């Protein structure tokens, strides 16, 4: 079953891993410089303008989305 939840600080390592997997697929891994600490500081804090979702299929990570309001 598909479950989508708002990403939290606890998801930072997972999100960075999925970002790296996608970058590797696109042959752009050398351009990824984000760390879980960067993501917690800049993207998953209470005052962040960037938001993230994590999708799980049968309890396993299946995808992610970052979004912001303009």
C-alpha atoms as a PDB file:
ATOM      1  CA  UNK A   1       0.000   0.000   0.000  1.00  0.00           C
ATOM      2  CA  UNK A   2       1.193   3.499  -0.837  1.00  0.00           C
ATOM      3  CA  UNK A   3       1.737   5.899   2.071  1.00  0.00           C
ATOM      4  CA  UNK A   4       2.928   9.483   1.650  1.00  0.00           C
ATOM      5  CA  UNK A   5       4.089  11.479   4.651  1.00  0.00           C
ATOM      6  CA  UNK A   6       5.656  14.845   5.306  1.00  0.00           C
ATOM      7  CA  UNK A   7       9.398  14.474   5.636  1.00  0.00           C
ATOM      8  CA  UNK A   8      10.920  15.125   9.037  1.00  0.00           C
ATOM      9  CA  UNK A   9      14.461  15.500  10.279  1.00  0.00           C
ATOM     10  CA  UNK A  10      14.509  11.728  10.781  1.00  0.00           C
ATOM     11  CA  UNK A  11      14.154  11.338   6.991  1.00  0.00           C
ATOM     12  CA  UNK A  12      17.256  13.414   6.151  1.00  0.00           C
ATOM     13  CA  UNK A  13      19.588  10.447   5.570  1.00  0.00           C
ATOM     14  CA  UNK A  14      16.969   8.684   3.451  1.00  0.00           C
ATOM     15  CA  UNK A  15      16.320  11.778   1.342  1.00  0.00           C
ATOM     16  CA  UNK A  16      20.018  12.345   0.701  1.00  0.00           C
ATOM     17  CA  UNK A  17      20.425   8.674  -0.256  1.00  0.00           C
ATOM     18  CA  UNK A  18      17.540   8.932  -2.735  1.00  0.00           C
ATOM     19  CA  UNK A  19      18.920  12.191  -4.149  1.00  0.00           C
ATOM     20  CA  UNK A  20      22.261  10.455  -4.676  1.00  0.00           C
ATOM     21  CA  UNK A  21      20.612   7.427  -6.303  1.00  0.00           C
ATOM     22  CA  UNK A  22      18.786   9.658  -8.772  1.00  0.00           C
ATOM     23  CA  UNK A  23      21.935  11.687  -9.490  1.00  0.00           C
ATOM     24  CA  UNK A  24      23.867   8.481 -10.121  1.00  0.00           C
ATOM     25  CA  UNK A  25      21.152   7.299 -12.531  1.00  0.00           C
ATOM     26  CA  UNK A  26      21.462  10.633 -14.359  1.00  0.00           C
ATOM     27  CA  UNK A  27      25.278  10.332 -14.312  1.00  0.00           C
ATOM     28  CA  UNK A  28      25.508  13.521 -12.250  1.00  0.00           C
ATOM     29  CA  UNK A  29      26.566  12.153  -8.867  1.00  0.00           C
ATOM     30  CA  UNK A  30      29.740  14.239  -8.820  1.00  0.00           C
ATOM     31  CA  UNK A  31      27.549  17.351  -8.569  1.00  0.00           C
ATOM     32  CA  UNK A  32      25.742  16.282  -5.396  1.00  0.00           C
ATOM     33  CA  UNK A  33      27.168  18.089  -2.396  1.00  0.00           C
ATOM     34  CA  UNK A  34      24.230  18.016   0.035  1.00  0.00           C
ATOM     35  CA  UNK A  35      24.601  16.253   3.365  1.00  0.00           C
ATOM     36  CA  UNK A  36      21.903  15.178   5.813  1.00  0.00           C
ATOM     37  CA  UNK A  37      23.061  18.003   8.091  1.00  0.00           C
ATOM     38  CA  UNK A  38      22.578  20.534   5.259  1.00  0.00           C
ATOM     39  CA  UNK A  39      19.103  19.210   4.619  1.00  0.00           C
ATOM     40  CA  UNK A  40      18.110  19.373   8.293  1.00  0.00           C
ATOM     41  CA  UNK A  41      19.470  22.905   8.606  1.00  0.00           C
ATOM     42  CA  UNK A  42      18.137  24.340   5.347  1.00  0.00           C
ATOM     43  CA  UNK A  43      15.209  22.184   4.313  1.00  0.00           C
ATOM     44  CA  UNK A  44      13.548  20.418   7.204  1.00  0.00           C
ATOM     45  CA  UNK A  45      13.516  23.086   9.879  1.00  0.00           C
ATOM     46  CA  UNK A  46      10.418  24.731  11.283  1.00  0.00           C
ATOM     47  CA  UNK A  47      11.047  27.987   9.391  1.00  0.00           C
ATOM     48  CA  UNK A  48      12.084  26.376   6.107  1.00  0.00           C
ATOM     49  CA  UNK A  49      10.550  27.569   2.856  1.00  0.00           C
ATOM     50  CA  UNK A  50      11.245  24.200   1.280  1.00  0.00           C
ATOM     51  CA  UNK A  51       9.018  21.231   2.094  1.00  0.00           C
ATOM     52  CA  UNK A  52       9.436  17.530   1.350  1.00  0.00           C
ATOM     53  CA  UNK A  53       7.309  14.416   1.116  1.00  0.00           C
ATOM     54  CA  UNK A  54       8.388  10.788   1.312  1.00  0.00           C
ATOM     55  CA  UNK A  55       6.460   8.009  -0.405  1.00  0.00           C
ATOM     56  CA  UNK A  56       6.561   4.442   0.898  1.00  0.00           C
ATOM     57  CA  UNK A  57       5.236   1.314  -0.745  1.00  0.00           C
ATOM     58  CA  UNK A  58       4.557  -1.522   1.686  1.00  0.00           C
ATOM     59  CA  UNK A  59       6.802   0.158   4.249  1.00  0.00           C
ATOM     60  CA  UNK A  60       9.755   0.593   1.855  1.00  0.00           C
ATOM     61  CA  UNK A  61      10.953   3.983   0.542  1.00  0.00           C
ATOM     62  CA  UNK A  62       9.622   4.516  -2.977  1.00  0.00           C
ATOM     63  CA  UNK A  63      10.079   8.198  -3.780  1.00  0.00           C
ATOM     64  CA  UNK A  64      10.328  11.758  -2.629  1.00  0.00           C
ATOM     65  CA  UNK A  65       9.232  15.236  -3.625  1.00  0.00           C
ATOM     66  CA  UNK A  66      10.493  18.669  -2.696  1.00  0.00           C
ATOM     67  CA  UNK A  67       8.216  21.665  -3.131  1.00  0.00           C
ATOM     68  CA  UNK A  68       7.877  25.298  -2.165  1.00  0.00           C
ATOM     69  CA  UNK A  69       5.245  28.000  -2.432  1.00  0.00           C
ATOM     70  CA  UNK A  70       5.732  31.061  -4.613  1.00  0.00           C
END
